[in-house]
PDB file of N, CA and C in Angstrom:
ATOM      1  N   MET A   1     -18.497  -0.239 -17.167  1.00  0.00           N
ATOM      2  CA  MET A   1     -17.851   0.873 -16.348  1.00  0.00           C
ATOM      3  C   MET A   1     -17.874   2.082 -16.971  1.00  0.00           C
ATOM      4  N   GLY A   2     -18.296   3.223 -16.401  1.00  0.00           N
ATOM      5  CA  GLY A   2     -18.270   4.475 -17.314  1.00  0.00           C
ATOM      6  C   GLY A   2     -16.988   5.031 -17.352  1.00  0.00           C
ATOM      7  N   LEU A   3     -16.964   6.195 -17.814  1.00  0.00           N
ATOM      8  CA  LEU A   3     -15.634   7.051 -18.009  1.00  0.00           C
ATOM      9  C   LEU A   3     -14.932   7.091 -16.693  1.00  0.00           C
ATOM     10  N   MET A   4     -13.656   7.167 -16.748  1.00  0.00           N
ATOM     11  CA  MET A   4     -12.968   7.232 -15.454  1.00  0.00           C
ATOM     12  C   MET A   4     -11.556   8.038 -15.870  1.00  0.00           C
ATOM     13  N   ILE A   5     -11.263   8.929 -15.080  1.00  0.00           N
ATOM     14  CA  ILE A   5      -9.963   9.635 -15.177  1.00  0.00           C
ATOM     15  C   ILE A   5      -8.802   8.868 -14.429  1.00  0.00           C
ATOM     16  N   PRO A   6      -7.628   8.736 -15.071  1.00  0.00           N
ATOM     17  CA  PRO A   6      -6.553   8.015 -14.532  1.00  0.00           C
ATOM     18  C   PRO A   6      -6.150   8.809 -13.158  1.00  0.00           C
ATOM     19  N   VAL A   7      -5.885   7.892 -12.100  1.00  0.00           N
ATOM     20  CA  VAL A   7      -5.472   8.486 -10.919  1.00  0.00           C
ATOM     21  C   VAL A   7      -4.248   7.855 -10.365  1.00  0.00           C
ATOM     22  N   ARG A   8      -3.217   8.542 -10.156  1.00  0.00           N
ATOM     23  CA  ARG A   8      -1.944   7.934  -9.751  1.00  0.00           C
ATOM     24  C   ARG A   8      -1.840   7.998  -8.210  1.00  0.00           C
ATOM     25  N   VAL A   9      -1.645   6.815  -7.685  1.00  0.00           N
ATOM     26  CA  VAL A   9      -1.785   6.585  -6.161  1.00  0.00           C
ATOM     27  C   VAL A   9      -0.435   6.374  -5.624  1.00  0.00           C
ATOM     28  N   THR A  10      -0.182   7.058  -4.500  1.00  0.00           N
ATOM     29  CA  THR A  10       1.165   6.813  -3.608  1.00  0.00           C
ATOM     30  C   THR A  10       0.664   6.610  -2.331  1.00  0.00           C
ATOM     31  N   VAL A  11       1.385   5.901  -1.587  1.00  0.00           N
ATOM     32  CA  VAL A  11       1.173   5.545  -0.211  1.00  0.00           C
ATOM     33  C   VAL A  11       2.482   5.715   0.631  1.00  0.00           C
ATOM     34  N   ALA A  12       2.142   6.246   1.914  1.00  0.00           N
ATOM     35  CA  ALA A  12       3.256   6.439   2.753  1.00  0.00           C
ATOM     36  C   ALA A  12       3.495   5.201   3.436  1.00  0.00           C
ATOM     37  N   VAL A  13       4.775   4.665   3.317  1.00  0.00           N
ATOM     38  CA  VAL A  13       5.265   3.481   3.956  1.00  0.00           C
ATOM     39  C   VAL A  13       6.484   3.836   4.719  1.00  0.00           C
ATOM     40  N   GLY A  14       6.368   3.696   6.035  1.00  0.00           N
ATOM     41  CA  GLY A  14       7.445   4.223   6.923  1.00  0.00           C
ATOM     42  C   GLY A  14       7.732   5.754   6.478  1.00  0.00           C
ATOM     43  N   ARG A  15       8.895   6.044   6.220  1.00  0.00           N
ATOM     44  CA  ARG A  15       9.274   7.412   5.976  1.00  0.00           C
ATOM     45  C   ARG A  15       9.243   7.811   4.474  1.00  0.00           C
ATOM     46  N   LYS A  16       8.932   6.672   3.591  1.00  0.00           N
ATOM     47  CA  LYS A  16       9.036   7.124   2.238  1.00  0.00           C
ATOM     48  C   LYS A  16       7.593   6.865   1.623  1.00  0.00           C
ATOM     49  N   ASN A  17       7.457   7.571   0.387  1.00  0.00           N
ATOM     50  CA  ASN A  17       6.184   7.380  -0.388  1.00  0.00           C
ATOM     51  C   ASN A  17       6.450   6.437  -1.381  1.00  0.00           C
ATOM     52  N   VAL A  18       5.556   5.373  -1.631  1.00  0.00           N
ATOM     53  CA  VAL A  18       5.888   4.508  -2.732  1.00  0.00           C
ATOM     54  C   VAL A  18       4.411   4.378  -3.663  1.00  0.00           C
ATOM     55  N   ALA A  19       4.746   3.930  -4.807  1.00  0.00           N
ATOM     56  CA  ALA A  19       3.610   3.943  -5.770  1.00  0.00           C
ATOM     57  C   ALA A  19       2.809   2.660  -5.286  1.00  0.00           C
ATOM     58  N   LEU A  20       1.429   2.711  -5.626  1.00  0.00           N
ATOM     59  CA  LEU A  20       0.680   1.601  -5.146  1.00  0.00           C
ATOM     60  C   LEU A  20       1.067   0.248  -5.692  1.00  0.00           C
ATOM     61  N   GLU A  21       1.653   0.206  -6.882  1.00  0.00           N
ATOM     62  CA  GLU A  21       2.202  -0.985  -7.475  1.00  0.00           C
ATOM     63  C   GLU A  21       3.278  -1.731  -6.606  1.00  0.00           C
ATOM     64  N   ASP A  22       3.884  -0.776  -5.955  1.00  0.00           N
ATOM     65  CA  ASP A  22       4.955  -1.302  -5.062  1.00  0.00           C
ATOM     66  C   ASP A  22       4.697  -1.751  -3.604  1.00  0.00           C
ATOM     67  N   VAL A  23       3.330  -1.570  -3.281  1.00  0.00           N
ATOM     68  CA  VAL A  23       2.823  -2.033  -1.952  1.00  0.00           C
ATOM     69  C   VAL A  23       2.550  -3.570  -1.940  1.00  0.00           C
ATOM     70  N   GLN A  24       3.147  -4.080  -0.833  1.00  0.00           N
ATOM     71  CA  GLN A  24       3.235  -5.575  -0.797  1.00  0.00           C
ATOM     72  C   GLN A  24       1.861  -6.230  -0.406  1.00  0.00           C
ATOM     73  N   ASN A  25       1.158  -5.593   0.627  1.00  0.00           N
ATOM     74  CA  ASN A  25      -0.096  -6.046   1.097  1.00  0.00           C
ATOM     75  C   ASN A  25      -1.228  -5.835   0.201  1.00  0.00           C
ATOM     76  N   GLN A  26      -1.681  -6.861  -0.172  1.00  0.00           N
ATOM     77  CA  GLN A  26      -2.805  -6.991  -1.376  1.00  0.00           C
ATOM     78  C   GLN A  26      -4.081  -6.470  -0.853  1.00  0.00           C
ATOM     79  N   LYS A  27      -4.403  -6.638   0.474  1.00  0.00           N
ATOM     80  CA  LYS A  27      -5.654  -5.972   1.072  1.00  0.00           C
ATOM     81  C   LYS A  27      -5.592  -4.532   0.891  1.00  0.00           C
ATOM     82  N   VAL A  28      -4.389  -3.933   1.226  1.00  0.00           N
ATOM     83  CA  VAL A  28      -4.233  -2.462   1.081  1.00  0.00           C
ATOM     84  C   VAL A  28      -4.384  -2.056  -0.324  1.00  0.00           C
ATOM     85  N   VAL A  29      -3.687  -2.698  -1.159  1.00  0.00           N
ATOM     86  CA  VAL A  29      -3.739  -2.384  -2.507  1.00  0.00           C
ATOM     87  C   VAL A  29      -5.168  -2.363  -3.116  1.00  0.00           C
ATOM     88  N   SER A  30      -5.762  -3.428  -2.787  1.00  0.00           N
ATOM     89  CA  SER A  30      -7.141  -3.608  -3.371  1.00  0.00           C
ATOM     90  C   SER A  30      -7.978  -2.495  -2.856  1.00  0.00           C
ATOM     91  N   ALA A  31      -8.053  -2.159  -1.464  1.00  0.00           N
ATOM     92  CA  ALA A  31      -8.838  -1.134  -1.034  1.00  0.00           C
ATOM     93  C   ALA A  31      -8.498   0.313  -1.583  1.00  0.00           C
ATOM     94  N   LEU A  32      -7.298   0.686  -1.814  1.00  0.00           N
ATOM     95  CA  LEU A  32      -6.721   1.911  -2.263  1.00  0.00           C
ATOM     96  C   LEU A  32      -7.056   1.956  -3.799  1.00  0.00           C
ATOM     97  N   ARG A  33      -6.943   0.869  -4.499  1.00  0.00           N
ATOM     98  CA  ARG A  33      -7.312   0.807  -5.934  1.00  0.00           C
ATOM     99  C   ARG A  33      -8.710   1.127  -6.055  1.00  0.00           C
ATOM    100  N   GLN A  34      -9.652   0.499  -5.241  1.00  0.00           N
ATOM    101  CA  GLN A  34     -11.102   0.830  -5.335  1.00  0.00           C
ATOM    102  C   GLN A  34     -11.301   2.337  -5.046  1.00  0.00           C
ATOM    103  N   ALA A  35     -10.649   2.846  -4.097  1.00  0.00           N
ATOM    104  CA  ALA A  35     -10.783   4.485  -3.730  1.00  0.00           C
ATOM    105  C   ALA A  35     -10.371   5.163  -4.962  1.00  0.00           C
ATOM    106  N   SER A  36      -9.210   4.919  -5.649  1.00  0.00           N
ATOM    107  CA  SER A  36      -8.771   5.579  -6.687  1.00  0.00           C
ATOM    108  C   SER A  36      -9.812   5.385  -7.909  1.00  0.00           C
ATOM    109  N   ARG A  37     -10.431   4.314  -8.043  1.00  0.00           N
ATOM    110  CA  ARG A  37     -11.407   4.063  -9.235  1.00  0.00           C
ATOM    111  C   ARG A  37     -12.700   5.033  -8.737  1.00  0.00           C
ATOM    112  N   ASP A  38     -13.134   5.076  -7.633  1.00  0.00           N
ATOM    113  CA  ASP A  38     -14.208   5.866  -7.176  1.00  0.00           C
ATOM    114  C   ASP A  38     -13.997   7.395  -7.456  1.00  0.00           C
ATOM    115  N   VAL A  39     -12.697   7.789  -7.100  1.00  0.00           N
ATOM    116  CA  VAL A  39     -12.334   9.282  -7.267  1.00  0.00           C
ATOM    117  C   VAL A  39     -12.257   9.492  -8.849  1.00  0.00           C
ATOM    118  N   GLY A  40     -11.624   8.612  -9.601  1.00  0.00           N
ATOM    119  CA  GLY A  40     -11.575   8.677 -11.050  1.00  0.00           C
ATOM    120  C   GLY A  40     -12.835   8.759 -11.828  1.00  0.00           C
ATOM    121  N   MET A  41     -13.881   7.924 -11.282  1.00  0.00           N
ATOM    122  CA  MET A  41     -15.184   8.056 -11.862  1.00  0.00           C
ATOM    123  C   MET A  41     -15.884   9.256 -11.437  1.00  0.00           C
ATOM    124  N   SER A  42     -15.682   9.802 -10.300  1.00  0.00           N
ATOM    125  CA  SER A  42     -16.353  11.018  -9.820  1.00  0.00           C
ATOM    126  C   SER A  42     -15.766  12.230 -10.518  1.00  0.00           C
ATOM    127  N   LEU A  43     -14.451  12.233 -10.824  1.00  0.00           N
ATOM    128  CA  LEU A  43     -13.876  13.325 -11.455  1.00  0.00           C
ATOM    129  C   LEU A  43     -14.059  13.339 -13.112  1.00  0.00           C
ATOM    130  N   ALA A  44     -14.505  12.165 -13.513  1.00  0.00           N
ATOM    131  CA  ALA A  44     -14.787  12.086 -15.127  1.00  0.00           C
ATOM    132  C   ALA A  44     -15.782  13.061 -15.569  1.00  0.00           C
ATOM    133  N   ASN A  45     -16.793  13.332 -14.576  1.00  0.00           N
ATOM    134  CA  ASN A  45     -17.782  14.292 -14.852  1.00  0.00           C
ATOM    135  C   ASN A  45     -17.415  15.804 -14.660  1.00  0.00           C
ATOM    136  N   ALA A  46     -16.316  15.990 -13.989  1.00  0.00           N
ATOM    137  CA  ALA A  46     -15.909  17.336 -13.589  1.00  0.00           C
ATOM    138  C   ALA A  46     -15.429  18.053 -14.873  1.00  0.00           C
ATOM    139  N   LYS A  47     -16.153  19.190 -15.285  1.00  0.00           N
ATOM    140  CA  LYS A  47     -15.640  19.918 -16.237  1.00  0.00           C
ATOM    141  C   LYS A  47     -15.797  21.409 -15.887  1.00  0.00           C
ATOM    142  N   CYS A  48     -14.699  22.339 -16.143  1.00  0.00           N
ATOM    143  CA  CYS A  48     -14.811  23.628 -15.716  1.00  0.00           C
ATOM    144  C   CYS A  48     -15.835  24.442 -16.506  1.00  0.00           C
ATOM    145  N   PRO A  49     -16.698  25.240 -15.872  1.00  0.00           N
ATOM    146  CA  PRO A  49     -17.826  25.904 -16.508  1.00  0.00           C
ATOM    147  C   PRO A  49     -17.278  27.038 -17.472  1.00  0.00           C
ATOM    148  N   VAL A  50     -15.965  27.447 -17.169  1.00  0.00           N
ATOM    149  CA  VAL A  50     -15.497  28.538 -17.977  1.00  0.00           C
ATOM    150  C   VAL A  50     -14.658  27.913 -19.181  1.00  0.00           C
ATOM    151  N   HIS A  51     -13.835  27.007 -19.116  1.00  0.00           N
ATOM    152  CA  HIS A  51     -12.908  26.420 -20.056  1.00  0.00           C
ATOM    153  C   HIS A  51     -13.392  24.978 -20.647  1.00  0.00           C
ATOM    154  N   ASP A  52     -14.380  24.521 -19.979  1.00  0.00           N
ATOM    155  CA  ASP A  52     -14.889  23.160 -20.488  1.00  0.00           C
ATOM    156  C   ASP A  52     -13.615  22.067 -20.457  1.00  0.00           C
ATOM    157  N   LYS A  53     -12.826  22.045 -19.485  1.00  0.00           N
ATOM    158  CA  LYS A  53     -11.804  21.115 -19.318  1.00  0.00           C
ATOM    159  C   LYS A  53     -12.094  20.433 -17.892  1.00  0.00           C
ATOM    160  N   GLY A  54     -11.306  19.166 -17.863  1.00  0.00           N
ATOM    161  CA  GLY A  54     -11.393  18.457 -16.738  1.00  0.00           C
ATOM    162  C   GLY A  54     -10.072  18.535 -15.964  1.00  0.00           C
ATOM    163  N   PRO A  55      -9.957  18.094 -14.854  1.00  0.00           N
ATOM    164  CA  PRO A  55      -8.587  17.876 -14.030  1.00  0.00           C
ATOM    165  C   PRO A  55      -7.634  17.108 -14.806  1.00  0.00           C
ATOM    166  N   THR A  56      -6.412  17.443 -14.676  1.00  0.00           N
ATOM    167  CA  THR A  56      -5.283  16.543 -15.173  1.00  0.00           C
ATOM    168  C   THR A  56      -4.260  16.187 -14.120  1.00  0.00           C
ATOM    169  N   ASN A  57      -3.373  15.247 -14.394  1.00  0.00           N
ATOM    170  CA  ASN A  57      -2.334  14.839 -13.539  1.00  0.00           C
ATOM    171  C   ASN A  57      -2.924  14.529 -12.029  1.00  0.00           C
ATOM    172  N   VAL A  58      -3.978  13.770 -12.019  1.00  0.00           N
ATOM    173  CA  VAL A  58      -4.702  13.409 -10.830  1.00  0.00           C
ATOM    174  C   VAL A  58      -3.787  12.531  -9.864  1.00  0.00           C
ATOM    175  N   ARG A  59      -3.516  12.969  -8.661  1.00  0.00           N
ATOM    176  CA  ARG A  59      -2.729  12.241  -7.826  1.00  0.00           C
ATOM    177  C   ARG A  59      -3.558  11.936  -6.577  1.00  0.00           C
ATOM    178  N   LEU A  60      -3.396  10.817  -5.804  1.00  0.00           N
ATOM    179  CA  LEU A  60      -4.124  10.647  -4.559  1.00  0.00           C
ATOM    180  C   LEU A  60      -3.024  10.030  -3.869  1.00  0.00           C
ATOM    181  N   HIS A  61      -2.842  10.650  -2.571  1.00  0.00           N
ATOM    182  CA  HIS A  61      -1.663  10.102  -1.671  1.00  0.00           C
ATOM    183  C   HIS A  61      -2.455   9.717  -0.445  1.00  0.00           C
ATOM    184  N   PHE A  62      -2.070   8.451   0.161  1.00  0.00           N
ATOM    185  CA  PHE A  62      -2.578   8.096   1.478  1.00  0.00           C
ATOM    186  C   PHE A  62      -1.468   8.093   2.450  1.00  0.00           C
ATOM    187  N   ASP A  63      -1.766   8.748   3.523  1.00  0.00           N
ATOM    188  CA  ASP A  63      -0.712   8.773   4.686  1.00  0.00           C
ATOM    189  C   ASP A  63      -0.734   7.498   5.433  1.00  0.00           C
ATOM    190  N   SER A  64       0.142   7.333   6.407  1.00  0.00           N
ATOM    191  CA  SER A  64       0.352   6.116   7.090  1.00  0.00           C
ATOM    192  C   SER A  64      -1.075   5.835   7.923  1.00  0.00           C
ATOM    193  N   ALA A  65      -1.868   6.806   8.272  1.00  0.00           N
ATOM    194  CA  ALA A  65      -3.072   6.623   8.983  1.00  0.00           C
ATOM    195  C   ALA A  65      -4.081   6.243   7.890  1.00  0.00           C
ATOM    196  N   GLY A  66      -3.998   6.362   6.756  1.00  0.00           N
ATOM    197  CA  GLY A  66      -4.970   5.866   5.699  1.00  0.00           C
ATOM    198  C   GLY A  66      -5.707   7.066   5.223  1.00  0.00           C
ATOM    199  N   ALA A  67      -5.388   8.250   5.606  1.00  0.00           N
ATOM    200  CA  ALA A  67      -6.139   9.482   5.040  1.00  0.00           C
ATOM    201  C   ALA A  67      -5.749   9.725   3.566  1.00  0.00           C
ATOM    202  N   GLY A  68      -6.656  10.149   2.784  1.00  0.00           N
ATOM    203  CA  GLY A  68      -6.247  10.388   1.488  1.00  0.00           C
ATOM    204  C   GLY A  68      -6.228  11.967   1.204  1.00  0.00           C
ATOM    205  N   ASP A  69      -5.246  12.201   0.229  1.00  0.00           N
ATOM    206  CA  ASP A  69      -4.932  13.779  -0.047  1.00  0.00           C
ATOM    207  C   ASP A  69      -5.064  13.795  -1.609  1.00  0.00           C
ATOM    208  N   LEU A  70      -5.994  14.491  -2.177  1.00  0.00           N
ATOM    209  CA  LEU A  70      -6.136  14.596  -3.625  1.00  0.00           C
ATOM    210  C   LEU A  70      -5.528  15.790  -4.194  1.00  0.00           C
ATOM    211  N   LYS A  71      -4.857  15.629  -5.261  1.00  0.00           N
ATOM    212  CA  LYS A  71      -4.131  16.846  -5.780  1.00  0.00           C
ATOM    213  C   LYS A  71      -4.461  16.580  -7.337  1.00  0.00           C
ATOM    214  N   TYR A  72      -4.391  17.667  -8.008  1.00  0.00           N
ATOM    215  CA  TYR A  72      -4.530  17.595  -9.559  1.00  0.00           C
ATOM    216  C   TYR A  72      -4.310  18.956 -10.153  1.00  0.00           C
ATOM    217  N   ASP A  73      -4.143  19.089 -11.384  1.00  0.00           N
ATOM    218  CA  ASP A  73      -3.871  20.245 -12.006  1.00  0.00           C
ATOM    219  C   ASP A  73      -5.316  20.674 -12.639  1.00  0.00           C
ATOM    220  N   SER A  74      -5.427  21.932 -12.531  1.00  0.00           N
ATOM    221  CA  SER A  74      -6.677  22.463 -13.212  1.00  0.00           C
ATOM    222  C   SER A  74      -6.361  23.828 -13.797  1.00  0.00           C
ATOM    223  N   CYS A  75      -7.365  24.220 -14.787  1.00  0.00           N
ATOM    224  CA  CYS A  75      -7.205  25.340 -15.636  1.00  0.00           C
ATOM    225  C   CYS A  75      -7.499  26.453 -14.817  1.00  0.00           C
ATOM    226  N   CYS A  76      -8.351  26.547 -13.754  1.00  0.00           N
ATOM    227  CA  CYS A  76      -8.549  27.706 -12.978  1.00  0.00           C
ATOM    228  C   CYS A  76      -9.285  27.354 -11.657  1.00  0.00           C
ATOM    229  N   GLU A  77      -9.676  28.243 -10.799  1.00  0.00           N
ATOM    230  CA  GLU A  77     -10.232  27.863  -9.525  1.00  0.00           C
ATOM    231  C   GLU A  77     -11.700  27.413  -9.702  1.00  0.00           C
ATOM    232  N   LYS A  78     -12.262  27.734 -10.792  1.00  0.00           N
ATOM    233  CA  LYS A  78     -13.689  27.319 -11.002  1.00  0.00           C
ATOM    234  C   LYS A  78     -13.702  25.746 -10.950  1.00  0.00           C
ATOM    235  N   LEU A  79     -12.819  25.281 -11.699  1.00  0.00           N
ATOM    236  CA  LEU A  79     -12.763  23.770 -11.821  1.00  0.00           C
ATOM    237  C   LEU A  79     -12.508  23.220 -10.378  1.00  0.00           C
ATOM    238  N   GLY A  80     -11.630  23.795  -9.721  1.00  0.00           N
ATOM    239  CA  GLY A  80     -11.466  23.350  -8.212  1.00  0.00           C
ATOM    240  C   GLY A  80     -12.823  23.431  -7.502  1.00  0.00           C
ATOM    241  N   GLU A  81     -13.573  24.459  -7.670  1.00  0.00           N
ATOM    242  CA  GLU A  81     -14.743  24.470  -6.942  1.00  0.00           C
ATOM    243  C   GLU A  81     -15.820  23.356  -7.267  1.00  0.00           C
ATOM    244  N   MET A  82     -15.670  23.111  -8.493  1.00  0.00           N
ATOM    245  CA  MET A  82     -16.618  22.078  -9.218  1.00  0.00           C
ATOM    246  C   MET A  82     -16.197  20.629  -8.548  1.00  0.00           C
ATOM    247  N   ILE A  83     -14.849  20.451  -8.404  1.00  0.00           N
ATOM    248  CA  ILE A  83     -14.331  19.090  -7.942  1.00  0.00           C
ATOM    249  C   ILE A  83     -14.740  18.966  -6.349  1.00  0.00           C
ATOM    250  N   ALA A  84     -14.517  20.145  -5.708  1.00  0.00           N
ATOM    251  CA  ALA A  84     -14.802  20.115  -4.379  1.00  0.00           C
ATOM    252  C   ALA A  84     -16.251  19.725  -3.969  1.00  0.00           C
ATOM    253  N   LYS A  85     -17.089  19.963  -5.025  1.00  0.00           N
ATOM    254  CA  LYS A  85     -18.599  19.491  -4.735  1.00  0.00           C
ATOM    255  C   LYS A  85     -18.747  17.938  -5.097  1.00  0.00           C
ATOM    256  N   LEU A  86     -17.854  17.466  -5.878  1.00  0.00           N
ATOM    257  CA  LEU A  86     -17.989  16.069  -6.356  1.00  0.00           C
ATOM    258  C   LEU A  86     -17.350  15.035  -5.499  1.00  0.00           C
ATOM    259  N   VAL A  87     -16.230  15.237  -4.792  1.00  0.00           N
ATOM    260  CA  VAL A  87     -15.519  14.448  -4.040  1.00  0.00           C
ATOM    261  C   VAL A  87     -15.633  14.548  -2.546  1.00  0.00           C
TER     262      VAL A  87
END
């Protein structure tokens, strides 16, 4: 497996957000873990053309409908533009 950025995953369960580790349904856990790996591998190649830094504090949140929302910290908007092309 190539380089990968760690991705923290949370899931909406009812009215609260829980960490992926606390989700009981293993089918859901397995699917979302794969999604987070895919995102982590895509982002491993993202480097800001100005600062030569990648994203940090990467978070992926899935709502109750299963839609993913990616959040991360970046050095500037150039990195954000680079990430938008990758994911």
